[in-house]
Protein backbone atom coordinates (compact mmCIF):
# COMPACT_ATOMS: atom_id res chain seq x y z
CA MET A 1 -27.67 21.65 6.64
CA GLU A 2 -29.97 18.66 7.30
CA TRP A 3 -30.16 17.77 3.59
CA ILE A 4 -26.36 17.39 3.27
CA LEU A 5 -26.01 14.36 5.54
CA PRO A 6 -28.36 12.05 3.56
CA ILE A 7 -26.46 12.98 0.37
CA ILE A 8 -23.14 12.10 2.01
CA ILE A 9 -24.49 8.71 3.13
CA LEU A 10 -25.98 8.04 -0.32
CA CYS A 11 -22.67 8.86 -2.04
CA TYR A 12 -20.81 6.57 0.35
CA VAL A 13 -23.21 3.68 -0.30
CA LEU A 14 -23.04 4.22 -4.09
CA ILE A 15 -19.22 4.17 -4.03
CA CYS A 16 -19.23 0.93 -2.04
CA LEU A 17 -21.79 -0.55 -4.44
CA GLY A 18 -19.69 0.55 -7.42
CA ALA A 19 -16.62 -1.20 -6.04
CA PHE A 20 -18.69 -4.36 -5.54
CA ILE A 21 -19.98 -4.23 -9.14
CA ILE A 22 -16.44 -3.81 -10.50
CA GLU A 23 -15.38 -6.85 -8.46
CA ILE A 24 -18.22 -8.91 -9.99
CA LEU A 25 -17.29 -7.76 -13.52
CA ASN A 26 -13.74 -8.96 -12.94
CA LEU A 27 -14.88 -12.39 -11.77
CA ARG A 28 -17.25 -12.76 -14.72
CA HIS A 29 -14.42 -11.86 -17.08
CA ILE A 30 -12.21 -14.55 -15.51
CA ARG A 31 -15.00 -17.15 -15.79
CA LYS A 32 -15.29 -16.35 -19.49
CA HIS A 33 -11.59 -16.27 -20.41
CA GLY A 34 -9.77 -17.85 -17.48
CA SER A 35 -9.53 -21.33 -18.99
CA GLU A 36 -7.62 -20.11 -22.06
CA ILE A 37 -3.85 -20.62 -21.82
CA PRO A 38 -2.23 -17.48 -23.31
CA PRO A 39 0.23 -18.12 -26.17
CA GLU A 40 2.96 -16.50 -24.06
CA PHE A 41 2.46 -19.17 -21.39
CA THR A 42 2.30 -22.20 -23.69
CA GLY A 43 4.58 -24.91 -22.37
CA VAL A 44 5.04 -23.05 -19.07
CA ILE A 45 1.64 -23.41 -17.48
CA GLU A 46 -0.79 -26.33 -17.56
CA ALA A 47 -4.58 -26.15 -17.46
CA SER A 48 -4.50 -27.28 -13.81
CA ASP A 49 -2.06 -24.45 -12.96
CA LEU A 50 -4.31 -21.90 -14.66
CA GLU A 51 -7.28 -23.25 -12.72
CA LYS A 52 -5.29 -22.80 -9.52
CA CYS A 53 -4.52 -19.18 -10.49
CA ASN A 54 -8.23 -18.54 -11.02
CA SER A 55 -9.16 -20.25 -7.74
CA TYR A 56 -6.66 -18.06 -5.89
CA THR A 57 -8.09 -14.93 -7.52
CA PHE A 58 -11.67 -15.98 -6.63
CA ALA A 59 -10.72 -16.80 -3.04
CA ASN A 60 -9.05 -13.41 -2.58
CA SER A 61 -11.96 -11.64 -4.24
CA ARG A 62 -14.52 -13.24 -1.91
CA PHE A 63 -12.33 -12.48 1.08
CA ARG A 64 -11.77 -8.88 -0.01
CA THR A 65 -15.49 -8.31 -0.57
CA ILE A 66 -16.50 -9.65 2.85
CA HIS A 67 -13.67 -7.77 4.55
CA THR A 68 -14.64 -4.53 2.81
CA VAL A 69 -18.32 -4.87 3.74
CA TYR A 70 -17.29 -5.58 7.34
CA ASN A 71 -15.13 -2.44 7.50
CA GLU A 72 -17.71 -0.24 5.79
CA VAL A 73 -20.46 -1.36 8.18
CA ILE A 74 -18.21 -0.62 11.15
CA THR A 75 -17.43 2.81 9.69
CA LEU A 76 -21.12 3.64 9.25
CA ILE A 77 -21.93 2.47 12.77
CA PHE A 78 -19.06 4.48 14.20
CA ILE A 79 -19.89 7.71 12.35
CA PHE A 80 -23.69 7.56 12.33
CA GLY A 81 -24.57 5.08 15.07
CA GLY A 82 -23.67 7.35 17.98
CA VAL A 83 -20.28 5.71 18.71
CA LEU A 84 -18.27 8.75 17.57
CA THR A 85 -20.45 11.04 19.71
CA TRP A 86 -19.91 8.82 22.76
CA TYR A 87 -16.18 8.46 22.09
CA ASN A 88 -15.73 12.20 21.54
CA GLN A 89 -17.65 13.08 24.72
CA THR A 90 -15.80 10.48 26.82
CA LEU A 91 -12.31 11.66 25.82
CA PHE A 92 -13.40 15.29 26.18
CA ASP A 93 -14.44 14.54 29.78
CA TYR A 94 -11.11 12.84 30.48
CA GLN A 95 -9.26 15.78 28.97
CA MET A 96 -11.11 18.19 31.25
CA GLN A 97 -10.50 15.94 34.28
CA TYR A 98 -6.77 15.32 33.75
CA ASN A 99 -5.95 18.57 31.93
CA TRP A 100 -4.26 16.93 28.94
CA SER A 101 -2.45 19.21 26.56
CA PHE A 102 -3.93 19.58 23.08
CA ALA A 103 -1.20 17.40 21.52
CA VAL A 104 -1.49 14.61 24.10
CA TRP A 105 -5.27 14.62 23.76
CA GLY A 106 -4.92 14.31 19.98
CA VAL A 107 -2.43 11.44 20.17
CA ILE A 108 -4.69 9.49 22.56
CA PHE A 109 -7.77 10.23 20.43
CA VAL A 110 -6.22 8.89 17.22
CA MET A 111 -4.14 6.03 18.63
CA LEU A 112 -7.07 4.43 20.47
CA LEU A 113 -9.00 4.37 17.20
CA SER A 114 -5.96 2.88 15.44
CA TYR A 115 -5.67 0.11 18.04
CA SER A 116 -9.41 -0.60 17.77
CA LYS A 117 -9.18 -0.95 13.99
CA THR A 118 -6.20 -3.32 14.31
CA ILE A 119 -8.00 -5.51 16.87
CA LEU A 120 -11.24 -5.62 14.86
CA ASN A 121 -9.32 -6.79 11.77
CA ILE A 122 -7.28 -9.52 13.49
CA PRO A 123 -9.74 -12.32 12.54
CA PHE A 124 -9.45 -11.36 8.86
CA ASN A 125 -5.68 -11.13 9.04
CA LEU A 126 -5.54 -14.59 10.58
CA TYR A 127 -7.92 -16.06 8.00
CA GLN A 128 -6.02 -14.63 5.05
CA THR A 129 -2.65 -15.81 6.39
CA PHE A 130 -3.53 -19.24 7.76
CA SER A 131 -6.41 -20.20 5.47
CA ILE A 132 -6.12 -18.62 2.00
CA GLU A 133 -2.33 -18.22 1.82
CA LYS A 134 -1.74 -21.61 3.43
CA ARG A 135 -4.30 -23.38 1.23
CA PHE A 136 -2.53 -22.17 -1.92
CA GLY A 137 0.94 -23.00 -0.61
CA PHE A 138 2.26 -19.50 0.11
CA ASN A 139 2.25 -19.17 3.88
CA ASN A 140 5.35 -20.28 5.82
CA MET A 141 4.57 -18.42 9.04
CA SER A 142 3.86 -20.05 12.36
CA PHE A 143 1.25 -18.51 14.63
CA MET A 144 3.96 -17.36 17.05
CA LEU A 145 5.83 -15.55 14.28
CA TRP A 146 2.58 -13.93 13.17
CA LEU A 147 1.87 -12.83 16.73
CA PHE A 148 5.43 -11.57 17.17
CA ASP A 149 5.11 -9.51 13.96
CA LEU A 150 1.80 -8.08 15.16
CA VAL A 151 3.26 -6.97 18.50
CA LYS A 152 6.39 -5.52 16.92
CA GLY A 153 4.32 -3.77 14.27
CA LEU A 154 2.10 -2.20 16.93
CA LEU A 155 5.10 -1.02 18.94
CA VAL A 156 6.88 0.49 15.95
CA SER A 157 3.74 2.14 14.58
CA THR A 158 2.85 3.48 18.04
CA ILE A 159 6.24 5.19 18.33
CA LEU A 160 6.30 6.60 14.80
CA ILE A 161 2.65 7.68 14.62
CA SER A 162 2.71 9.15 18.15
CA VAL A 163 5.77 11.27 17.33
CA LEU A 164 4.18 12.38 14.06
CA LEU A 165 0.85 13.25 15.68
CA PHE A 166 2.39 14.94 18.72
CA GLY A 167 4.50 17.17 16.49
CA ALA A 168 1.61 17.94 14.14
CA PHE A 169 -0.92 18.74 16.88
CA GLY A 170 1.70 20.77 18.72
CA LEU A 171 2.13 22.92 15.61
CA VAL A 172 -1.66 23.26 15.28
CA MET A 173 -1.79 24.60 18.83
CA LEU A 174 1.15 26.98 18.38
CA MET A 175 0.13 28.35 14.98
CA LYS A 176 -3.64 28.37 15.10
CA THR A 177 -4.20 30.86 12.28
CA TRP A 178 -1.98 29.24 9.60
CA TRP A 179 -0.99 25.80 10.88
CA TRP A 180 -1.59 23.96 7.60
CA LEU A 181 1.78 24.96 6.06
CA PRO A 182 4.12 24.06 8.98
CA VAL A 183 2.17 20.82 9.60
CA TRP A 184 2.50 19.86 5.94
CA ALA A 185 6.26 20.66 6.06
CA PHE A 186 6.62 18.56 9.24
CA PHE A 187 4.88 15.60 7.58
CA PHE A 188 7.15 15.96 4.54
CA VAL A 189 10.37 16.01 6.60
CA PHE A 190 9.15 13.12 8.75
CA THR A 191 8.39 11.06 5.61
CA LEU A 192 11.92 11.65 4.27
CA PHE A 193 13.37 10.72 7.66
CA VAL A 194 11.47 7.42 7.78
CA ILE A 195 12.49 6.56 4.20
CA TYR A 196 16.12 7.32 5.08
CA ILE A 197 16.29 5.21 8.25
CA SER A 198 14.14 2.30 7.02
CA PRO A 199 16.96 0.19 5.49
CA TYR A 200 19.07 0.34 8.65
CA ILE A 201 16.61 0.57 11.54
CA LEU A 202 13.02 -0.34 10.63
CA ASP A 203 13.33 -3.11 8.02
CA PRO A 204 15.81 -5.22 10.07
CA LEU A 205 13.26 -5.34 12.89
CA PHE A 206 11.17 -7.71 10.78
CA ASN A 207 13.55 -9.38 8.35
CA LYS A 208 17.18 -10.43 8.12
CA PHE A 209 19.22 -8.80 5.36
CA THR A 210 22.48 -10.38 4.27
CA PRO A 211 24.77 -9.76 1.28
CA ILE A 212 23.93 -12.09 -1.60
CA LYS A 213 25.99 -15.26 -1.16
CA ASN A 214 26.47 -15.72 -4.89
CA GLU A 215 29.40 -13.31 -5.26
CA GLU A 216 29.42 -13.66 -9.04
CA LEU A 217 25.75 -12.67 -9.27
CA ALA A 218 26.27 -9.79 -6.82
CA LYS A 219 29.17 -8.49 -8.93
CA GLU A 220 27.14 -8.72 -12.13
CA ILE A 221 24.26 -6.85 -10.47
CA ILE A 222 26.59 -4.06 -9.31
CA ASP A 223 28.20 -3.90 -12.78
CA LEU A 224 24.74 -3.73 -14.38
CA LEU A 225 23.74 -0.89 -12.06
CA LYS A 226 26.96 0.97 -12.79
CA LYS A 227 26.19 0.61 -16.48
CA ALA A 228 22.83 2.20 -15.69
CA GLY A 229 24.58 5.01 -13.83
CA ILE A 230 23.43 3.94 -10.36
CA GLU A 231 25.57 3.56 -7.24
CA VAL A 232 24.24 1.37 -4.41
CA SER A 233 25.60 0.63 -0.95
CA GLY A 234 25.08 -3.10 -1.45
CA VAL A 235 22.99 -5.95 -2.83
CA TYR A 236 21.12 -7.85 -0.13
CA SER A 237 19.00 -10.95 0.17
CA MET A 238 15.94 -10.80 2.46
CA ASP A 239 14.71 -13.89 4.27
CA ALA A 240 11.18 -13.50 2.91
CA SER A 241 10.73 -17.28 2.75
CA LYS A 242 10.27 -17.56 6.52
CA ARG A 243 6.92 -15.82 6.05
CA SER A 244 5.79 -16.36 2.47
CA LYS A 245 6.70 -17.95 -0.84
CA HIS A 246 5.78 -14.79 -2.74
CA SER A 247 8.77 -13.12 -4.39
CA ASN A 248 9.92 -9.58 -5.16
CA ALA A 249 12.88 -7.21 -5.49
CA TYR A 250 13.10 -3.49 -4.73
CA PHE A 251 15.30 -0.45 -4.13
CA THR A 252 15.17 1.10 -0.69
CA GLY A 253 16.66 4.19 0.94
CA LEU A 254 17.60 7.61 -0.41
CA GLY A 255 20.78 9.13 -1.76
CA ARG A 256 23.96 7.29 -0.84
CA VAL A 257 22.15 4.81 1.38
CA LYS A 258 20.28 3.24 -1.56
CA ARG A 259 20.46 -0.52 -1.54
CA ILE A 260 18.84 -3.20 -3.61
CA VAL A 261 16.97 -5.98 -1.84
CA VAL A 262 16.10 -9.32 -3.42
CA PHE A 263 13.74 -11.83 -1.79
CA ASP A 264 15.45 -15.18 -1.24
CA THR A 265 12.43 -16.77 -2.95
CA LEU A 266 13.24 -14.78 -6.09
CA LEU A 267 16.83 -15.99 -6.10
CA GLU A 268 15.57 -19.57 -6.14
CA SER A 269 13.03 -19.19 -8.96
CA LEU A 270 14.83 -17.13 -11.63
CA SER A 271 17.86 -17.74 -13.80
CA LYS A 272 20.79 -15.32 -13.62
CA GLU A 273 19.74 -13.50 -16.80
CA GLU A 274 16.14 -13.19 -15.61
CA MET A 275 17.30 -11.93 -12.22
CA LEU A 276 19.45 -9.27 -13.89
CA ALA A 277 16.45 -8.24 -16.01
CA VAL A 278 14.32 -7.75 -12.87
CA ILE A 279 17.11 -5.67 -11.33
CA ALA A 280 17.34 -3.67 -14.56
CA HIS A 281 13.59 -2.94 -14.29
CA GLU A 282 14.05 -1.65 -10.74
CA ALA A 283 17.05 0.36 -11.96
CA GLY A 284 14.74 1.94 -14.51
CA HIS A 285 12.53 3.26 -11.72
CA CYS A 286 15.59 4.69 -10.01
CA ARG A 287 17.16 6.16 -13.14
CA LYS A 288 13.89 7.73 -14.26
CA LYS A 289 13.48 9.20 -10.76
CA HIS A 290 10.01 7.71 -10.35
CA VAL A 291 10.24 7.71 -6.55
CA VAL A 292 11.14 11.40 -6.53
CA LYS A 293 8.39 12.25 -9.03
CA ASN A 294 5.81 10.34 -7.00
CA LEU A 295 6.98 12.10 -3.84
CA ILE A 296 6.71 15.54 -5.47
CA LEU A 297 3.25 14.77 -6.83
CA PHE A 298 2.02 13.34 -3.55
CA GLU A 299 3.39 16.23 -1.48
CA THR A 300 1.92 18.81 -3.86
CA LEU A 301 -1.52 17.26 -3.57
CA SER A 302 -1.01 16.89 0.18
CA ALA A 303 -0.29 20.61 0.50
CA ILE A 304 -3.59 21.38 -1.24
CA GLY A 305 -5.34 18.85 0.98
CA PHE A 306 -3.86 20.34 4.15
CA TYR A 307 -5.05 23.82 3.16
CA ILE A 308 -8.59 22.62 2.45
CA ALA A 309 -8.58 20.70 5.75
CA PHE A 310 -7.42 23.86 7.53
CA LEU A 311 -10.34 25.85 6.12
CA LEU A 312 -12.91 23.20 7.08
CA LEU A 313 -11.53 22.44 10.54
CA LYS A 314 -11.40 26.06 11.64
CA SER A 315 -15.10 26.45 10.82
CA ASP A 316 -18.08 24.76 12.48
CA ILE A 317 -19.63 23.39 9.30
CA LEU A 318 -18.56 19.77 9.94
CA ALA A 319 -19.85 19.90 13.52
CA GLU A 320 -23.20 21.21 12.29
CA ILE A 321 -23.59 18.60 9.53
CA PHE A 322 -22.66 15.64 11.77
CA ASN A 323 -24.18 17.04 14.99
CA LEU A 324 -20.88 16.85 16.85
CA TYR A 325 -21.00 17.82 20.50
CA PRO A 326 -18.68 18.82 21.98
CA ASN A 327 -17.30 20.50 18.89
CA THR A 328 -13.72 19.17 19.16
CA PHE A 329 -10.95 19.47 16.58
CA PHE A 330 -10.31 15.72 16.61
CA ALA A 331 -13.92 14.64 16.06
CA LYS A 332 -14.06 17.03 13.08
CA LEU A 333 -10.81 15.52 11.83
CA ILE A 334 -12.37 12.04 11.85
CA VAL A 335 -15.47 13.06 9.87
CA LEU A 336 -13.24 15.05 7.51
CA SER A 337 -11.26 11.90 6.72
CA PHE A 338 -14.57 10.12 6.08
CA ILE A 339 -15.76 12.81 3.67
CA GLY A 340 -12.32 12.92 2.04
CA GLY A 341 -12.58 9.24 1.20
CA ILE A 342 -15.86 9.93 -0.61
CA ILE A 343 -14.61 12.98 -2.50
CA LEU A 344 -11.40 11.26 -3.57
CA TRP A 345 -12.97 7.92 -4.53
CA ALA A 346 -11.68 8.20 -8.11
CA MET A 347 -8.15 9.19 -7.12
CA PRO A 348 -6.81 5.60 -7.59
CA LEU A 349 -7.56 5.97 -11.32
CA PHE A 350 -5.18 8.93 -11.47
CA PHE A 351 -2.37 7.43 -9.39
CA ASN A 352 -2.63 4.00 -11.03
CA ALA A 353 -2.45 5.59 -14.48
CA ILE A 354 0.78 7.36 -13.51
CA SER A 355 2.16 4.21 -11.89
CA ARG A 356 1.41 2.12 -15.00
CA ARG A 357 3.15 4.70 -17.16
CA PHE A 358 6.20 4.47 -14.90
CA GLU A 359 6.13 0.67 -15.19
CA TRP A 360 6.15 0.89 -18.99
CA GLN A 361 9.14 3.23 -18.79
CA ALA A 362 10.99 0.88 -16.41
CA ASP A 363 10.27 -2.08 -18.72
CA ALA A 364 11.64 -0.16 -21.71
CA PHE A 365 14.72 0.85 -19.70
CA ALA A 366 15.34 -2.78 -18.70
CA ALA A 367 14.98 -4.00 -22.28
CA LYS A 368 17.48 -1.41 -23.49
CA LEU A 369 19.93 -2.10 -20.66
CA MET A 370 19.76 -5.87 -21.19
CA GLY A 371 19.84 -5.60 -24.98
CA SER A 372 16.52 -7.44 -25.22
CA GLY A 373 13.11 -7.54 -23.61
CA LYS A 374 12.95 -11.33 -23.58
CA PRO A 375 14.76 -11.94 -20.23
CA LEU A 376 12.31 -9.68 -18.36
CA ALA A 377 9.37 -11.21 -20.23
CA ASN A 378 10.52 -14.68 -19.20
CA ALA A 379 10.95 -13.51 -15.60
CA LEU A 380 7.40 -12.07 -15.59
CA ILE A 381 6.02 -15.37 -16.89
CA LYS A 382 7.74 -17.32 -14.09
CA LEU A 383 6.70 -14.81 -11.43
CA SER A 384 3.09 -14.86 -12.64
CA VAL A 385 2.96 -18.65 -12.41
CA ASP A 386 4.74 -18.77 -9.04
CA ASN A 387 2.50 -16.07 -7.53
CA LEU A 388 -0.74 -17.39 -9.12
CA ALA A 389 -1.37 -14.04 -10.80
CA ASN A 390 -4.64 -13.16 -12.50
CA LEU A 391 -3.79 -13.34 -16.20
CA TYR A 392 -7.15 -11.95 -17.36
CA PRO A 393 -8.13 -8.91 -15.26
CA GLN A 394 -11.18 -7.04 -16.51
CA LYS A 395 -10.16 -3.60 -17.89
CA LEU A 396 -12.22 -1.40 -15.55
CA TYR A 397 -11.11 -3.50 -12.59
CA ALA A 398 -7.47 -3.12 -13.65
CA TYR A 399 -7.84 0.66 -14.00
CA PHE A 400 -9.05 0.96 -10.41
CA ASN A 401 -6.90 -1.70 -8.76
CA TYR A 402 -3.70 -2.29 -10.74
CA SER A 403 -0.65 -0.10 -10.23
CA HIS A 404 1.10 -2.26 -12.87
CA PRO A 405 -0.09 -2.96 -16.41
CA PRO A 406 -1.67 -6.41 -16.83
CA VAL A 407 1.14 -8.94 -17.17
CA LEU A 408 0.11 -10.22 -20.62
CA GLU A 409 0.33 -6.69 -22.05
CA ARG A 410 3.80 -6.25 -20.54
CA ILE A 411 5.04 -9.57 -21.89
CA LYS A 412 3.74 -8.89 -25.42
CA LYS A 413 5.38 -5.46 -25.51
CA LEU A 414 8.69 -6.74 -24.11
CA ARG A 415 8.85 -9.54 -26.68
CA LYS A 416 8.49 -7.02 -29.49
């Protein structure tokens, strides 16, 4: 077993190095082509605007690289530097002293790690919000609002994750010989529940949602959705501008509680026809049942993952490889998640490929519904300029990191 651990560490380092190389390839590609104004953007973007887009991409790339290295070093120290052993032993001693139940022990074990990760990443969160985003004119948040969001986010996540973990670990304790199936089913039902209540309970905790004031636009959106065969409970504007100048629109909820949400920043930047085209694109996702298909795919893979996890956690192989003592379920769960990240390193290629295919389908649906692809193409041009998008992502980088096709490819296809 001693030979396995060095291989695991080597694979982890190689994956991290690979991600770093892909990041460098993307930056080199931008340096080579980034000064060229695409024909689709002629008259819309100036050379100075393109330079600002590139500067924003470079700033985020540097930040992302440093942040990633920071997190990976902490992970290696935690797993291999004796911290996990100390943490596991300490909580085991407390569990023996206070006679915690298995589920309570598990919730405490995981939540303390979650809080630690949040605290360790606060400096990076602050820098990204109040340095990078502010420098490029996106941030509208005050420090107090940021702090308020952080506290609310911790409270909400504590409640939701604790309930999820308590239920899952309770099922593990009750059904020791075949817990993987009921735990997977519990996760699935809990996910549906959260999606269902989000528009009415969770989302309003952070943002204000009001019916779109432009009644004519709201009516045209509803008529457009009816033409697409979609019924929604309402069309709402979200006060995104109090935090950021970035813009977006999305469907939320399931079944009859579906609603469409438009950022107030989007309402200010697009014409009526362009706005309808963006809504038509989102309608394409809904009509093509992309959310349902993604959910089915994810849950199918999750079921397989839960079964494999069940087989590994009931054995002592992980404890032997990582020298875990005491041999607790939760310490094995942590190292299993670490190994899973290594084994599934290429999974983004698979999911991004599916997501990009769905985006092409939604674009085609929008073009058909609007009678032309030009309104959505024009909207994408404006959104790219407003959000300082990278117009020249390197192909390999895009495969690993882009859930949407590169914007120039989308615009060219829509204009045809």
